[in-house]
Amino acid sequence: MPMREDRRTFIQSAAAVGAALTLPTRRVLGANDRVRIGIIGAGGRGKEVLKEFIKQGCEVVAVADVFKSRQEEVRALGPAVKTFDDHRKMLELKDVDAVLVATPLHCHARHFVDTLAAGKDMYAEKTMTWSITEADACRKAAEKHANRVVTIGLQNQSAESMTLARKWVKDGLVGKVTSVESWMSRNTPKGKGQWVRPIPQDCTPANVKWDAFLNGRQKRAFDPQKFINWRLYWEFSGGNCAENMVHQVAWLQTILDLPAPTAAYMSGGVFSEKDGREVPDTISVVLDYPETVINWQSTFSNKAYGLGDRILGTHGTIERLQGSTDMVSGKPSGQTMRYYPEKTNRPDGTPLSGSGAEENAPHVANFLECLRSRKPTTATVDVGYKSALAVHMANISYRLKRRVTEAEARKLAGHGLHGEGGRADLA
């Protein structure tokens, strides 16, 4: 997914989308005829999803961000947009119907819990939390505020690929699944590591509310590198498991009706670029389930095979591919979903196909539809919780260099291993 967008491009494109909404092309949603959105965290990902909300008829009324420049980028969408450097002040607004939370991972739980406590519906970016303890706190908050509509930013849950795969499994075309292969590969020019973004000139102590960004972690002098490139550091990030694996694991867990994993093992390291990052750029994860094993691999040194999953069943195989490169033409493929029968058990079966695209539009549309109907979204807190546990168990395993069970991971998180890290209490 794109991680950065030029400020001028964002403002121009979002403004153009807003102008197009004057056309009577669709019925807008919400109790006041138009859903009014507030956003907490207007970085690259937040702005990308915000544009989709605007496309689908929402009005942006407020932004909370610890970086002044990002407040101004959103305020440029219209004079009525209110700006805040404290998200709690924004949550007090009566004219905010729903909140988009797209802050750095280590702040997700704080904003998740506060948003629900303020009585707002919420679209919360993935991964749901930075730690297992936070995942428990967020699930508890969601149970307490069960009347609120919540979705987690796991776009695969609303994609056509989900509908197709679940139907194929339900119809018995796949049979018993004991093994799953999953992968995600990328590449960048040599010397330019994945996720590394330039530091804006105005990223200074005067323009950043640094203590709020730290979110209870040990106080220290302002560090623009860690503020902008937080994804590179364990203190703020869950690495590539939290950025990408979580999408595929949530998709697979939902299709196969799997619980959280019983155990995890992760190996790898920082092999692609020695640029000071702590989180690995080369990864191999094994997730154990009662009668199924998921293998997920990732590299930032080669993008030939893009993103994909193969669900291997006794009666057939489901294959999803996105962005793999044709070895003859050198051209990237689109998004495809295919089913191949296993002739051993389905001799008369026929191949099937469909689209496997992961997009923001259907996921935002599902959230807005659920705001009106008050029904559960496609990416519920339960989906976010189980996929978050897979991420955290894998990361703890990597840092211990051994296999860990869920029970072990919970104990270790409580002792600070990718656990609390000085985070302020969520109670």
Protein backbone atom coordinates (compact mmCIF):
# COMPACT_ATOMS: atom_id res chain seq x y z
CA MET A 1 0.00 0.00 0.00
CA PRO A 2 1.23 3.55 -0.63
CA MET A 3 2.89 4.96 2.45
CA ARG A 4 3.40 8.58 1.45
CA GLU A 5 1.61 11.16 -0.64
CA ASP A 6 2.67 14.61 -1.73
CA ARG A 7 0.80 17.23 0.32
CA ARG A 8 -0.27 19.32 -2.66
CA THR A 9 -1.45 16.21 -4.50
CA PHE A 10 -3.56 15.15 -1.52
CA ILE A 11 -5.22 18.54 -1.12
CA GLN A 12 -5.92 18.91 -4.85
CA SER A 13 -7.28 15.41 -5.34
CA ALA A 14 -9.38 15.45 -2.17
CA ALA A 15 -10.80 18.86 -3.04
CA ALA A 16 -11.71 17.62 -6.51
CA VAL A 17 -13.49 14.63 -5.00
CA GLY A 18 -15.39 16.91 -2.62
CA ALA A 19 -16.52 19.12 -5.51
CA ALA A 20 -17.79 16.07 -7.40
CA LEU A 21 -20.09 15.23 -4.50
CA THR A 22 -22.41 18.04 -5.48
CA LEU A 23 -23.61 15.76 -8.27
CA PRO A 24 -26.69 13.72 -7.28
CA THR A 25 -25.03 10.37 -7.99
CA ARG A 26 -25.69 8.48 -4.76
CA ARG A 27 -27.65 8.57 -1.55
CA VAL A 28 -25.49 9.76 1.33
CA LEU A 29 -25.64 8.01 4.70
CA GLY A 30 -26.02 9.04 8.33
CA ALA A 31 -28.64 10.39 10.70
CA ASN A 32 -28.06 13.96 9.43
CA ASP A 33 -28.10 13.01 5.74
CA ARG A 34 -24.34 13.13 5.50
CA VAL A 35 -21.83 11.30 7.71
CA ARG A 36 -19.47 13.75 9.40
CA ILE A 37 -15.98 12.36 9.83
CA GLY A 38 -13.19 13.26 12.21
CA ILE A 39 -9.73 11.82 11.65
CA ILE A 40 -7.07 11.07 14.25
CA GLY A 41 -3.72 10.72 12.51
CA ALA A 42 -3.51 12.31 9.06
CA GLY A 43 -0.30 10.71 7.78
CA GLY A 44 0.02 8.97 4.41
CA ARG A 45 -2.33 6.09 5.17
CA GLY A 46 -4.85 8.26 6.98
CA LYS A 47 -5.12 10.68 4.07
CA GLU A 48 -5.48 7.82 1.60
CA VAL A 49 -8.45 6.32 3.45
CA LEU A 50 -9.90 9.79 4.16
CA LYS A 51 -10.11 10.48 0.43
CA GLU A 52 -12.24 7.35 0.05
CA PHE A 53 -14.61 8.58 2.76
CA ILE A 54 -14.94 11.86 0.87
CA LYS A 55 -15.61 10.01 -2.39
CA GLN A 56 -18.43 8.14 -0.70
CA GLY A 57 -20.26 11.24 0.46
CA CYS A 58 -18.80 12.00 3.88
CA GLU A 59 -17.98 15.46 5.20
CA VAL A 60 -14.64 15.97 6.94
CA VAL A 61 -15.30 18.20 9.95
CA ALA A 62 -12.25 17.73 12.19
CA VAL A 63 -8.68 16.48 12.37
CA ALA A 64 -6.45 15.67 15.33
CA ASP A 65 -2.74 15.21 14.72
CA VAL A 66 0.39 15.92 16.74
CA PHE A 67 2.09 17.40 13.62
CA LYS A 68 0.83 20.88 12.69
CA SER A 69 1.50 20.40 8.98
CA ARG A 70 -0.86 17.46 8.81
CA GLN A 71 -3.58 19.44 10.54
CA GLU A 72 -3.19 22.15 7.90
CA GLU A 73 -3.33 19.63 5.03
CA VAL A 74 -6.75 18.43 6.18
CA ARG A 75 -7.99 21.93 7.02
CA ALA A 76 -7.23 22.92 3.43
CA LEU A 77 -10.19 20.74 2.41
CA GLY A 78 -12.60 23.36 3.75
CA PRO A 79 -12.95 26.26 6.19
CA ALA A 80 -15.27 24.25 8.45
CA VAL A 81 -12.60 21.67 9.34
CA LYS A 82 -11.56 22.08 12.98
CA THR A 83 -7.96 21.25 13.95
CA PHE A 84 -6.59 19.81 17.19
CA ASP A 85 -3.29 18.55 18.56
CA ASP A 86 -5.17 16.66 21.30
CA HIS A 87 -7.51 13.94 20.03
CA ARG A 88 -9.59 14.11 23.21
CA LYS A 89 -10.67 17.65 22.38
CA MET A 90 -11.78 16.54 18.94
CA LEU A 91 -13.77 13.67 20.42
CA GLU A 92 -15.80 16.18 22.45
CA LEU A 93 -17.30 17.64 19.26
CA LYS A 94 -21.01 16.96 18.85
CA ASP A 95 -20.86 17.18 15.06
CA VAL A 96 -18.49 14.19 14.62
CA ASP A 97 -20.53 11.10 13.71
CA ALA A 98 -17.63 8.71 13.16
CA VAL A 99 -13.87 8.70 13.61
CA LEU A 100 -11.11 7.41 11.37
CA VAL A 101 -8.12 6.33 13.51
CA ALA A 102 -4.92 6.12 11.46
CA THR A 103 -2.17 6.98 13.92
CA PRO A 104 1.13 5.07 14.33
CA LEU A 105 0.62 1.56 15.65
CA HIS A 106 1.77 2.24 19.21
CA CYS A 107 -1.03 4.82 19.58
CA HIS A 108 -3.87 2.71 18.13
CA ALA A 109 -5.13 1.33 21.44
CA ARG A 110 -5.20 4.74 23.13
CA HIS A 111 -7.27 6.25 20.33
CA PHE A 112 -9.43 3.14 19.98
CA VAL A 113 -10.45 3.14 23.64
CA ASP A 114 -10.91 6.92 23.84
CA THR A 115 -13.04 7.03 20.69
CA LEU A 116 -15.45 4.40 21.98
CA ALA A 117 -15.61 6.06 25.40
CA ALA A 118 -16.62 9.29 23.63
CA GLY A 119 -19.59 7.46 22.07
CA LYS A 120 -18.32 7.57 18.48
CA ASP A 121 -18.44 4.93 15.75
CA MET A 122 -14.98 4.09 14.47
CA TYR A 123 -12.93 2.93 11.50
CA ALA A 124 -9.62 1.88 13.12
CA GLU A 125 -6.59 1.11 10.98
CA LYS A 126 -4.82 -2.22 11.26
CA THR A 127 -3.12 -3.81 13.10
CA MET A 128 -5.70 -3.27 15.84
CA THR A 129 -3.01 -2.86 18.53
CA TRP A 130 0.73 -2.80 19.20
CA SER A 131 0.63 -5.54 21.90
CA ILE A 132 -1.41 -8.44 23.22
CA THR A 133 -2.29 -6.54 26.41
CA GLU A 134 -3.62 -3.66 24.33
CA ALA A 135 -5.63 -6.11 22.19
CA ASP A 136 -7.31 -7.38 25.35
CA ALA A 137 -8.05 -3.80 26.45
CA CYS A 138 -9.56 -2.88 23.08
CA ARG A 139 -11.74 -5.99 22.97
CA LYS A 140 -12.97 -5.21 26.47
CA ALA A 141 -13.76 -1.62 25.43
CA ALA A 142 -15.68 -2.86 22.38
CA GLU A 143 -17.72 -5.22 24.55
CA LYS A 144 -18.49 -2.38 26.96
CA HIS A 145 -19.62 -0.13 24.08
CA ALA A 146 -21.32 -2.84 22.04
CA ASN A 147 -23.79 -0.33 20.57
CA ARG A 148 -20.98 1.33 18.61
CA VAL A 149 -20.13 0.33 15.03
CA VAL A 150 -16.45 -0.56 14.69
CA THR A 151 -14.45 -1.81 11.74
CA ILE A 152 -10.75 -2.58 11.50
CA GLY A 153 -8.88 -1.47 8.37
CA LEU A 154 -8.45 -4.96 6.96
CA GLN A 155 -9.66 -4.32 3.43
CA ASN A 156 -9.46 -7.96 2.36
CA GLN A 157 -12.49 -8.64 4.55
CA SER A 158 -14.72 -6.65 2.15
CA ALA A 159 -13.09 -7.80 -1.10
CA GLU A 160 -14.63 -10.05 -3.73
CA SER A 161 -11.88 -12.55 -2.94
CA MET A 162 -13.37 -13.06 0.52
CA THR A 163 -16.86 -13.71 -0.83
CA LEU A 164 -15.61 -16.17 -3.45
CA ALA A 165 -13.24 -18.06 -1.19
CA ARG A 166 -15.79 -18.45 1.58
CA LYS A 167 -18.35 -19.76 -0.92
CA TRP A 168 -15.90 -22.26 -2.39
CA VAL A 169 -15.02 -23.53 1.09
CA LYS A 170 -18.66 -23.63 2.25
CA ASP A 171 -19.70 -25.53 -0.90
CA GLY A 172 -17.14 -28.24 -0.13
CA LEU A 173 -14.95 -27.58 -3.16
CA VAL A 174 -11.77 -27.40 -1.12
CA GLY A 175 -12.23 -30.24 1.34
CA LYS A 176 -10.14 -30.48 4.49
CA VAL A 177 -7.42 -27.83 4.70
CA THR A 178 -4.28 -28.66 6.67
CA SER A 179 -1.75 -26.39 4.96
CA VAL A 180 -1.67 -22.81 3.68
CA GLU A 181 1.12 -21.01 1.80
CA SER A 182 1.15 -17.22 1.96
CA TRP A 183 3.67 -14.58 0.94
CA MET A 184 4.28 -10.87 0.30
CA SER A 185 7.33 -9.58 -1.58
CA ARG A 186 8.57 -6.08 -2.41
CA ASN A 187 11.71 -4.41 -3.66
CA THR A 188 13.22 -0.91 -3.63
CA PRO A 189 16.28 0.62 -5.38
CA LYS A 190 19.50 -0.39 -3.67
CA GLY A 191 20.27 2.01 -0.82
CA LYS A 192 16.63 3.04 -0.37
CA GLY A 193 15.06 0.85 2.27
CA GLN A 194 11.35 0.04 2.39
CA TRP A 195 9.27 2.54 4.43
CA VAL A 196 12.08 5.11 4.75
CA ARG A 197 10.61 8.56 4.12
CA PRO A 198 12.34 11.94 3.98
CA ILE A 199 12.00 14.18 7.02
CA PRO A 200 10.07 17.40 6.20
CA GLN A 201 11.87 20.65 6.97
CA ASP A 202 9.05 21.73 9.28
CA CYS A 203 9.28 18.54 11.36
CA THR A 204 10.66 20.37 14.40
CA PRO A 205 9.93 20.43 18.15
CA ALA A 206 7.88 23.59 17.64
CA ASN A 207 5.56 21.85 15.17
CA VAL A 208 5.26 18.40 16.76
CA LYS A 209 3.61 17.48 20.06
CA TRP A 210 6.36 14.99 20.84
CA ASP A 211 5.15 13.82 24.26
CA ALA A 212 1.78 12.88 22.79
CA PHE A 213 3.52 10.85 20.08
CA LEU A 214 5.57 9.00 22.72
CA ASN A 215 2.27 7.96 24.32
CA GLY A 216 3.67 7.16 27.74
CA ARG A 217 7.04 5.85 26.64
CA GLN A 218 10.26 7.06 28.22
CA LYS A 219 10.71 10.81 27.80
CA ARG A 220 13.57 11.91 25.58
CA ALA A 221 14.62 14.70 23.24
CA PHE A 222 12.67 15.12 20.01
CA ASP A 223 13.81 12.63 17.35
CA PRO A 224 12.49 13.49 13.85
CA GLN A 225 13.79 10.21 12.41
CA LYS A 226 11.75 8.10 14.80
CA PHE A 227 8.74 10.40 14.48
CA ILE A 228 8.58 10.14 10.68
CA ASN A 229 9.99 6.62 10.26
CA TRP A 230 8.43 4.98 13.30
CA ARG A 231 7.75 1.77 11.34
CA LEU A 232 11.44 0.88 11.57
CA TYR A 233 11.54 0.61 15.38
CA TRP A 234 10.08 -1.97 17.76
CA GLU A 235 9.12 0.69 20.29
CA PHE A 236 6.47 2.06 17.94
CA SER A 237 5.99 -0.64 15.30
CA GLY A 238 5.08 -4.27 14.75
CA GLY A 239 7.21 -4.48 11.62
CA ASN A 240 6.03 -6.19 8.47
CA CYS A 241 3.87 -8.67 10.34
CA ALA A 242 1.75 -5.73 11.53
CA GLU A 243 1.92 -3.86 8.23
CA ASN A 244 1.18 -6.68 5.78
CA MET A 245 0.95 -10.20 7.23
CA VAL A 246 -2.04 -9.15 9.30
CA HIS A 247 -4.16 -8.58 6.16
CA GLN A 248 -3.50 -12.05 4.82
CA VAL A 249 -3.80 -13.84 8.16
CA ALA A 250 -7.14 -12.15 8.90
CA TRP A 251 -8.37 -13.13 5.41
CA LEU A 252 -7.29 -16.74 5.90
CA GLN A 253 -8.62 -17.03 9.46
CA THR A 254 -12.03 -15.76 8.33
CA ILE A 255 -12.25 -18.00 5.27
CA LEU A 256 -11.23 -21.13 7.19
CA ASP A 257 -13.05 -20.13 10.41
CA LEU A 258 -9.84 -20.37 12.43
CA PRO A 259 -9.29 -19.12 16.00
CA ALA A 260 -6.16 -17.25 17.05
CA PRO A 261 -3.05 -19.41 16.51
CA THR A 262 -2.02 -21.81 19.25
CA ALA A 263 1.68 -21.20 18.61
CA ALA A 264 4.03 -19.26 16.34
CA TYR A 265 7.59 -19.35 15.11
CA MET A 266 9.29 -16.56 13.16
CA SER A 267 12.80 -16.31 11.74
CA GLY A 268 14.54 -13.74 9.55
CA GLY A 269 16.51 -10.57 10.03
CA VAL A 270 17.63 -7.20 8.71
CA PHE A 271 19.30 -8.39 5.52
CA SER A 272 18.21 -6.04 2.71
CA GLU A 273 19.30 -2.62 3.93
CA LYS A 274 21.52 -1.85 6.92
CA ASP A 275 19.89 1.52 7.54
CA GLY A 276 19.45 1.42 11.30
CA ARG A 277 16.06 -0.30 11.27
CA GLU A 278 15.26 -2.76 14.05
CA VAL A 279 12.35 -4.66 12.50
CA PRO A 280 13.32 -7.41 10.03
CA ASP A 281 13.00 -7.01 6.27
CA THR A 282 13.19 -10.75 5.58
CA ILE A 283 10.71 -12.98 7.37
CA SER A 284 9.45 -16.56 7.57
CA VAL A 285 6.51 -17.23 9.92
CA VAL A 286 4.83 -20.50 10.89
CA LEU A 287 1.45 -20.21 12.63
CA ASP A 288 0.00 -23.33 14.25
CA TYR A 289 -3.75 -23.91 14.48
CA PRO A 290 -5.53 -27.02 15.83
CA GLU A 291 -5.42 -28.88 12.49
CA THR A 292 -3.93 -26.33 10.09
CA VAL A 293 -0.54 -24.68 9.55
CA ILE A 294 -0.11 -21.29 7.86
CA ASN A 295 3.32 -20.45 6.42
CA TRP A 296 3.90 -16.76 5.61
CA GLN A 297 7.06 -15.43 3.98
CA SER A 298 8.17 -11.92 3.07
CA THR A 299 11.16 -10.14 1.59
CA PHE A 300 11.96 -6.54 0.74
CA SER A 301 14.65 -7.61 -1.76
CA ASN A 302 12.59 -9.12 -4.59
CA LYS A 303 9.07 -8.38 -5.83
CA ALA A 304 8.74 -11.02 -8.54
CA TYR A 305 5.98 -12.95 -6.81
CA GLY A 306 4.05 -10.02 -5.37
CA LEU A 307 1.43 -11.06 -2.83
CA GLY A 308 -0.34 -14.37 -2.72
CA ASP A 309 -2.01 -17.19 -0.84
CA ARG A 310 -2.61 -20.85 -1.60
CA ILE A 311 -5.17 -22.71 0.47
CA LEU A 312 -4.37 -26.40 0.00
CA GLY A 313 -7.31 -28.74 0.55
CA THR A 314 -7.96 -32.42 -0.03
CA HIS A 315 -10.48 -31.58 -2.78
CA GLY A 316 -9.00 -28.44 -4.29
CA THR A 317 -6.74 -25.40 -4.11
CA ILE A 318 -7.68 -21.74 -3.77
CA GLU A 319 -5.01 -19.42 -5.16
CA ARG A 320 -5.01 -15.64 -4.80
CA LEU A 321 -2.35 -13.60 -6.59
CA GLN A 322 -1.70 -9.84 -6.61
CA GLY A 323 1.09 -8.07 -8.44
CA SER A 324 3.25 -11.05 -9.38
CA THR A 325 5.57 -10.53 -12.36
CA ASP A 326 5.27 -12.58 -15.55
CA MET A 327 8.74 -14.04 -16.02
CA VAL A 328 8.51 -13.86 -19.82
CA SER A 329 6.97 -10.44 -20.43
CA GLY A 330 8.22 -8.81 -17.22
CA LYS A 331 4.79 -7.23 -16.72
CA PRO A 332 3.02 -7.31 -13.34
CA SER A 333 -0.21 -9.27 -13.19
CA GLY A 334 -3.48 -7.94 -11.91
CA GLN A 335 -5.43 -9.42 -9.01
CA THR A 336 -6.78 -12.90 -9.55
CA MET A 337 -8.64 -15.57 -7.62
CA ARG A 338 -8.61 -19.14 -8.89
CA TYR A 339 -9.86 -22.51 -7.78
CA TYR A 340 -8.25 -25.72 -9.04
CA PRO A 341 -9.88 -29.09 -8.26
CA GLU A 342 -7.82 -31.95 -6.86
CA LYS A 343 -8.58 -34.77 -9.30
CA THR A 344 -7.79 -37.33 -6.58
CA ASN A 345 -10.98 -36.44 -4.70
CA ARG A 346 -12.90 -34.29 -7.24
CA PRO A 347 -12.29 -35.98 -10.58
CA ASP A 348 -15.17 -34.13 -12.23
CA GLY A 349 -14.37 -30.72 -10.70
CA THR A 350 -13.78 -27.69 -12.93
CA PRO A 351 -11.52 -24.65 -12.40
CA LEU A 352 -13.13 -21.38 -11.29
CA SER A 353 -11.89 -17.78 -11.26
CA GLY A 354 -12.67 -14.26 -10.07
CA SER A 355 -11.13 -11.02 -8.85
CA GLY A 356 -8.83 -10.89 -5.84
CA ALA A 357 -8.36 -7.14 -5.53
CA GLU A 358 -7.95 -5.53 -2.11
CA GLU A 359 -9.40 -2.03 -2.25
CA ASN A 360 -10.39 0.72 0.17
CA ALA A 361 -13.70 1.49 -1.53
CA PRO A 362 -15.73 -1.64 -0.63
CA HIS A 363 -14.41 -1.59 2.94
CA VAL A 364 -15.35 2.05 3.53
CA ALA A 365 -18.72 1.38 1.87
CA ASN A 366 -19.35 -1.53 4.23
CA PHE A 367 -18.55 0.65 7.25
CA LEU A 368 -20.90 3.41 6.08
CA GLU A 369 -23.65 0.91 5.37
CA CYS A 370 -23.28 -0.47 8.89
CA LEU A 371 -23.47 3.03 10.35
CA ARG A 372 -26.99 3.15 8.92
CA SER A 373 -28.07 -0.44 9.65
CA ARG A 374 -26.16 -0.84 12.97
CA LYS A 375 -25.16 -4.33 11.85
CA PRO A 376 -21.65 -5.80 12.39
CA THR A 377 -19.04 -4.84 9.81
CA THR A 378 -17.02 -7.31 7.73
CA ALA A 379 -13.92 -6.60 9.87
CA THR A 380 -15.22 -6.80 13.41
CA VAL A 381 -13.18 -6.36 16.58
CA ASP A 382 -13.06 -10.17 16.83
CA VAL A 383 -11.38 -10.33 13.40
CA GLY A 384 -8.99 -7.58 14.44
CA TYR A 385 -8.27 -9.31 17.75
CA LYS A 386 -7.42 -12.74 16.34
CA SER A 387 -5.21 -11.32 13.60
CA ALA A 388 -3.45 -9.03 16.10
CA LEU A 389 -2.62 -12.03 18.30
CA ALA A 390 -1.01 -13.76 15.32
CA VAL A 391 1.14 -10.68 14.69
CA HIS A 392 2.25 -10.29 18.29
CA MET A 393 2.98 -13.98 18.79
CA ALA A 394 5.14 -14.03 15.65
CA ASN A 395 7.07 -10.93 16.72
CA ILE A 396 7.70 -12.26 20.22
CA SER A 397 8.94 -15.52 18.73
CA TYR A 398 11.34 -13.63 16.46
CA ARG A 399 12.81 -11.68 19.34
CA LEU A 400 13.24 -14.84 21.43
CA LYS A 401 14.45 -16.91 18.45
CA ARG A 402 12.16 -19.79 19.40
CA ARG A 403 8.62 -21.10 19.05
CA VAL A 404 6.10 -19.61 21.49
CA THR A 405 2.57 -20.61 22.46
CA GLU A 406 -0.23 -18.12 23.01
CA ALA A 407 0.00 -18.59 26.79
CA GLU A 408 3.77 -17.95 26.73
CA ALA A 409 3.34 -14.88 24.54
CA ARG A 410 0.84 -13.40 26.97
CA LYS A 411 3.22 -13.83 29.90
CA LEU A 412 6.16 -12.42 27.98
CA ALA A 413 4.18 -9.40 26.77
CA GLY A 414 3.31 -8.62 30.36
CA HIS A 415 7.03 -8.52 31.16
CA GLY A 416 7.81 -5.95 28.47
CA LEU A 417 8.83 -8.08 25.46
CA HIS A 418 7.00 -6.17 22.74
CA GLY A 419 4.50 -5.52 25.50
CA GLU A 420 3.85 -2.32 27.33
CA GLY A 421 7.10 -0.42 26.78
CA GLY A 422 6.11 2.34 29.19
CA ARG A 423 2.74 2.96 27.51
CA ALA A 424 0.28 4.99 29.54
CA ASP A 425 -2.45 2.96 31.23
CA LEU A 426 -5.58 2.47 29.10
CA ALA A 427 -8.01 2.12 31.97
